[in-house]
Amino acid sequence: MALIILSLSDVRKSFGAVKAVDGVSFQLLEGEIIGILGPNGAGKTTLVNLISGELPLDTGKIIYMGRDITYSPIYERRKIGIARSYQLPQIFENMTVLENVLVGILTREGGIRDFWSLRDSRRRIIKRAEEILDALGLANKAFVEAKKLSEGERKVLDIAITLTLNPRLLLLDEPTTSVSSEEKYMVMDVIMKYIKQFNITSIIVEHDLEIVEKYLPSRVLVMYNGKIVYDGNFQEIKSNDPVKIIVFGE
């Protein structure tokens, strides 16, 4: 029987009179990779923020690997394997690609002092950073300043930093936003290869329907006005007229 990694029960979050997330419930099994669709203002990013701990929910319950994390702070969620990326890459522009990933590892381990004082720690941490870059196709850019990367490469670097947390649950918010049509498939190819190789349970918020259809066809959640109005196969949306209008505008 597959392990339930994440379970949300009647999760709600309002901002004044606006119900950003309105009674959301779903489960995510180990190794599942799902997409979240919906128009602007549907509540997608707010939902990710509630799962990651960046926002407190109003009511409801969040269970992660059998543990109630409903009121756990963000740093505790990171420690137990929940990591996320953002629509805009969170990188250090004037550092090299390798240095960015090293900072991510050192922040997670709290080992900045050990890095400089212990040769074994330096060797291990650098090796780990190089492994991540190699797996994501950035090894040849290791000594390039981050500001010199293309938008697609910057997205991949941002995700590389996120992966230094060794996540069991990965939350990606619009990974192809601002990426050119030429690079968006490269970004998704890299992401999907990595998370499948390491069996990382993932939630991917995505607005690009071509990306969803190609990479996330088996299960998508469609949000509208803070609610999940559809949970199922992407192709079957086309035969569900109310949801089809929300997703395709038809």
Protein backbone atom coordinates (compact mmCIF):
# COMPACT_ATOMS: atom_id res chain seq x y z
CA MET A 1 0.00 0.00 0.00
CA ALA A 2 1.39 3.38 -1.05
CA LEU A 3 2.45 5.76 1.70
CA ILE A 4 0.37 8.93 2.07
CA ILE A 5 2.92 11.73 2.06
CA LEU A 6 0.50 14.66 2.38
CA SER A 7 -3.10 14.97 3.47
CA LEU A 8 -5.11 18.21 3.60
CA SER A 9 -8.50 18.31 5.29
CA ASP A 10 -10.88 21.27 4.86
CA VAL A 11 -8.03 23.80 4.70
CA ARG A 12 -9.15 27.42 4.64
CA LYS A 13 -7.46 30.80 4.41
CA SER A 14 -9.13 34.20 4.02
CA PHE A 15 -7.80 37.69 3.54
CA GLY A 16 -10.61 39.90 4.79
CA ALA A 17 -13.68 38.97 2.80
CA VAL A 18 -11.68 37.10 0.17
CA LYS A 19 -11.66 33.32 0.61
CA ALA A 20 -8.29 32.54 -0.97
CA VAL A 21 -8.42 28.84 -0.03
CA ASP A 22 -11.90 27.60 0.71
CA GLY A 23 -12.24 24.08 2.12
CA VAL A 24 -9.47 22.30 0.22
CA SER A 25 -9.01 18.57 0.87
CA PHE A 26 -6.83 16.06 -0.99
CA GLN A 27 -4.18 13.41 -0.48
CA LEU A 28 -0.82 12.89 -2.15
CA LEU A 29 0.85 9.49 -2.32
CA GLU A 30 4.57 8.81 -2.22
CA GLY A 31 6.16 9.44 -5.61
CA GLU A 32 3.12 11.23 -7.06
CA ILE A 33 3.73 14.28 -9.23
CA ILE A 34 0.65 16.44 -9.62
CA GLY A 35 -0.14 19.75 -11.25
CA ILE A 36 -2.28 22.58 -9.94
CA LEU A 37 -4.13 24.70 -12.51
CA GLY A 38 -6.45 27.66 -12.27
CA PRO A 39 -6.83 31.30 -13.27
CA ASN A 40 -5.07 34.15 -11.50
CA GLY A 41 -6.54 34.59 -8.04
CA ALA A 42 -7.77 31.00 -7.83
CA GLY A 43 -5.71 30.37 -4.68
CA LYS A 44 -2.88 28.24 -6.10
CA THR A 45 0.08 30.09 -4.59
CA THR A 46 -1.76 30.63 -1.31
CA LEU A 47 -2.31 26.88 -1.08
CA VAL A 48 1.42 26.26 -1.63
CA ASN A 49 2.21 28.86 1.03
CA LEU A 50 -0.05 27.07 3.51
CA ILE A 51 1.61 23.71 2.84
CA SER A 52 5.13 25.15 3.09
CA GLY A 53 4.29 27.07 6.28
CA GLU A 54 4.81 30.55 4.89
CA LEU A 55 1.21 31.39 5.75
CA PRO A 56 -0.84 30.19 8.75
CA LEU A 57 -4.14 28.61 7.82
CA ASP A 58 -7.40 29.71 9.42
CA THR A 59 -8.95 26.28 9.87
CA GLY A 60 -8.38 22.73 8.70
CA LYS A 61 -5.58 20.22 9.07
CA ILE A 62 -2.33 19.38 7.25
CA ILE A 63 -0.76 15.97 7.84
CA TYR A 64 2.69 15.19 6.45
CA MET A 65 3.88 11.58 6.60
CA GLY A 66 1.51 10.89 9.47
CA ARG A 67 2.59 13.97 11.42
CA ASP A 68 0.26 16.89 12.13
CA ILE A 69 2.10 19.98 10.85
CA THR A 70 -0.92 22.29 10.78
CA TYR A 71 0.77 24.80 13.07
CA SER A 72 4.43 23.88 12.52
CA PRO A 73 6.66 26.84 11.54
CA ILE A 74 8.34 26.93 8.16
CA TYR A 75 11.80 25.99 9.49
CA GLU A 76 10.43 22.80 11.04
CA ARG A 77 8.77 21.83 7.77
CA ARG A 78 12.03 22.35 5.92
CA LYS A 79 13.86 20.16 8.42
CA ILE A 80 11.45 17.28 7.87
CA GLY A 81 11.67 17.43 4.09
CA ILE A 82 9.26 20.02 2.67
CA ALA A 83 10.91 22.37 0.18
CA ARG A 84 9.60 24.90 -2.31
CA SER A 85 10.67 27.19 -5.10
CA TYR A 86 9.18 30.53 -6.08
CA GLN A 87 7.91 32.18 -9.26
CA LEU A 88 10.95 34.48 -9.19
CA PRO A 89 14.30 32.70 -8.68
CA GLN A 90 15.82 33.21 -5.21
CA ILE A 91 19.51 33.30 -6.14
CA PHE A 92 22.61 35.35 -5.37
CA GLU A 93 23.32 37.19 -8.61
CA ASN A 94 27.01 37.95 -7.97
CA MET A 95 27.93 34.47 -6.78
CA THR A 96 28.86 31.62 -9.06
CA VAL A 97 26.46 28.77 -9.72
CA LEU A 98 28.50 26.48 -7.47
CA GLU A 99 28.64 29.07 -4.68
CA ASN A 100 24.85 29.44 -4.77
CA VAL A 101 24.37 25.72 -4.25
CA LEU A 102 27.05 25.62 -1.54
CA VAL A 103 25.21 28.35 0.37
CA GLY A 104 22.04 26.29 0.15
CA ILE A 105 23.74 23.22 1.59
CA LEU A 106 25.50 25.17 4.33
CA THR A 107 22.29 26.92 5.33
CA ARG A 108 20.53 23.59 5.64
CA GLU A 109 23.32 22.01 7.66
CA GLY A 110 24.21 25.08 9.70
CA GLY A 111 27.81 24.28 8.98
CA ILE A 112 29.36 27.48 7.67
CA ARG A 113 32.05 27.48 10.38
CA ASP A 114 32.84 23.80 9.82
CA PHE A 115 33.07 24.38 6.08
CA TRP A 116 35.98 26.77 6.52
CA SER A 117 37.70 24.93 9.35
CA LEU A 118 37.33 21.24 8.49
CA ARG A 119 38.82 19.86 5.29
CA ASP A 120 36.58 16.78 5.32
CA SER A 121 33.46 18.95 5.59
CA ARG A 122 34.58 21.10 2.67
CA ARG A 123 35.24 18.08 0.51
CA ARG A 124 31.90 16.45 1.32
CA ILE A 125 29.84 19.60 0.83
CA ILE A 126 31.54 20.54 -2.44
CA LYS A 127 31.02 17.01 -3.72
CA ARG A 128 27.31 17.18 -2.85
CA ALA A 129 26.96 20.54 -4.64
CA GLU A 130 28.72 19.17 -7.70
CA GLU A 131 26.44 16.12 -7.74
CA ILE A 132 23.33 18.31 -7.73
CA LEU A 133 24.68 20.51 -10.52
CA ASP A 134 25.65 17.48 -12.58
CA ALA A 135 22.20 15.90 -12.16
CA LEU A 136 20.55 19.14 -13.28
CA GLY A 137 22.85 19.76 -16.23
CA LEU A 138 24.60 22.79 -14.74
CA ALA A 139 28.03 21.27 -14.09
CA ASN A 140 29.54 23.17 -17.02
CA LYS A 141 28.25 26.44 -15.53
CA ALA A 142 29.63 25.86 -12.02
CA PHE A 143 32.02 28.84 -12.11
CA VAL A 144 29.76 31.20 -14.03
CA GLU A 145 28.17 34.08 -12.11
CA ALA A 146 24.44 33.54 -11.67
CA LYS A 147 23.60 36.90 -13.27
CA LYS A 148 25.11 35.67 -16.54
CA LEU A 149 22.75 32.71 -16.85
CA SER A 150 19.75 32.59 -19.16
CA GLU A 151 16.30 32.75 -17.57
CA GLY A 152 15.90 29.01 -17.99
CA GLU A 153 19.25 28.29 -16.37
CA ARG A 154 18.38 30.64 -13.52
CA LYS A 155 15.20 28.66 -12.89
CA VAL A 156 17.16 25.42 -12.84
CA LEU A 157 19.69 26.94 -10.43
CA ASP A 158 16.89 28.08 -8.15
CA ILE A 159 15.54 24.55 -8.09
CA ALA A 160 19.05 23.20 -7.48
CA ILE A 161 19.24 25.36 -4.36
CA THR A 162 15.83 24.07 -3.28
CA LEU A 163 17.02 20.50 -3.75
CA THR A 164 19.87 21.03 -1.29
CA LEU A 165 17.19 20.52 1.38
CA ASN A 166 16.93 16.87 0.28
CA PRO A 167 13.14 17.18 0.07
CA ARG A 168 10.66 14.38 0.45
CA LEU A 169 7.94 16.77 -0.73
CA LEU A 170 8.77 19.39 -3.38
CA LEU A 171 6.52 22.38 -4.11
CA LEU A 172 7.27 24.22 -7.37
CA ASP A 173 5.41 27.46 -8.03
CA GLU A 174 5.26 28.28 -11.76
CA PRO A 175 8.68 26.84 -12.74
CA THR A 176 8.38 28.05 -16.34
CA THR A 177 7.26 31.61 -15.58
CA SER A 178 9.35 34.17 -17.56
CA VAL A 179 11.18 31.36 -19.34
CA SER A 180 11.28 31.52 -23.14
CA SER A 181 9.35 29.01 -25.21
CA GLU A 182 12.69 27.60 -26.35
CA GLU A 183 13.87 26.94 -22.80
CA LYS A 184 10.70 25.91 -20.97
CA TYR A 185 10.95 22.30 -22.12
CA MET A 186 14.59 22.16 -21.10
CA VAL A 187 13.65 23.37 -17.62
CA MET A 188 10.87 20.81 -17.26
CA ASP A 189 12.96 17.98 -18.72
CA VAL A 190 15.60 18.63 -16.07
CA ILE A 191 13.06 18.93 -13.24
CA MET A 192 11.11 15.81 -14.15
CA LYS A 193 14.21 13.69 -14.67
CA TYR A 194 15.52 14.59 -11.20
CA ILE A 195 12.31 14.16 -9.22
CA LYS A 196 11.53 10.85 -10.92
CA GLN A 197 15.08 9.57 -10.41
CA PHE A 198 14.92 10.29 -6.68
CA ASN A 199 11.18 9.55 -6.29
CA ILE A 200 10.40 12.99 -4.88
CA THR A 201 6.69 13.57 -4.30
CA SER A 202 5.90 16.86 -6.02
CA ILE A 203 3.23 19.52 -6.45
CA ILE A 204 3.78 21.77 -9.46
CA VAL A 205 1.73 24.93 -9.94
CA GLU A 206 1.76 25.69 -13.65
CA HIS A 207 -0.11 28.05 -15.97
CA ASP A 208 1.26 26.72 -19.26
CA LEU A 209 -1.21 24.13 -20.54
CA GLU A 210 1.30 22.68 -23.01
CA ILE A 211 3.64 21.97 -20.10
CA VAL A 212 0.85 20.43 -18.03
CA GLU A 213 -0.33 18.22 -20.88
CA LYS A 214 3.19 16.96 -21.62
CA TYR A 215 4.60 16.54 -18.11
CA LEU A 216 1.66 16.31 -15.67
CA PRO A 217 -1.09 14.46 -17.52
CA SER A 218 -2.00 11.81 -14.95
CA ARG A 219 -3.34 14.04 -12.17
CA VAL A 220 -4.16 17.72 -11.97
CA LEU A 221 -6.10 19.74 -9.43
CA VAL A 222 -8.05 22.65 -10.87
CA MET A 223 -8.69 25.53 -8.47
CA TYR A 224 -11.32 28.22 -8.86
CA ASN A 225 -12.34 30.80 -6.26
CA GLY A 226 -10.29 29.01 -3.61
CA LYS A 227 -11.86 25.60 -4.18
CA ILE A 228 -10.71 22.45 -5.93
CA VAL A 229 -13.30 21.96 -8.65
CA TYR A 230 -11.56 19.06 -10.41
CA ASP A 231 -9.12 16.32 -9.42
CA GLY A 232 -8.20 13.90 -12.17
CA ASN A 233 -6.59 13.22 -15.53
CA PHE A 234 -5.73 16.28 -17.63
CA GLN A 235 -7.22 14.86 -20.82
CA GLU A 236 -10.57 14.25 -19.18
CA ILE A 237 -10.93 17.97 -18.50
CA LYS A 238 -11.81 18.36 -22.17
CA SER A 239 -15.03 16.41 -21.65
CA ASN A 240 -16.01 18.31 -18.48
CA ASP A 241 -17.60 21.49 -19.79
CA PRO A 242 -17.63 23.62 -16.58
CA VAL A 243 -13.97 22.80 -15.82
CA LYS A 244 -13.02 23.10 -19.49
CA ILE A 245 -14.25 26.70 -19.47
CA ILE A 246 -12.14 27.48 -16.38
CA VAL A 247 -8.99 25.89 -17.81
CA PHE A 248 -9.23 26.61 -21.53
CA GLY A 249 -11.58 29.60 -21.50
CA GLU A 250 -13.88 27.85 -23.96
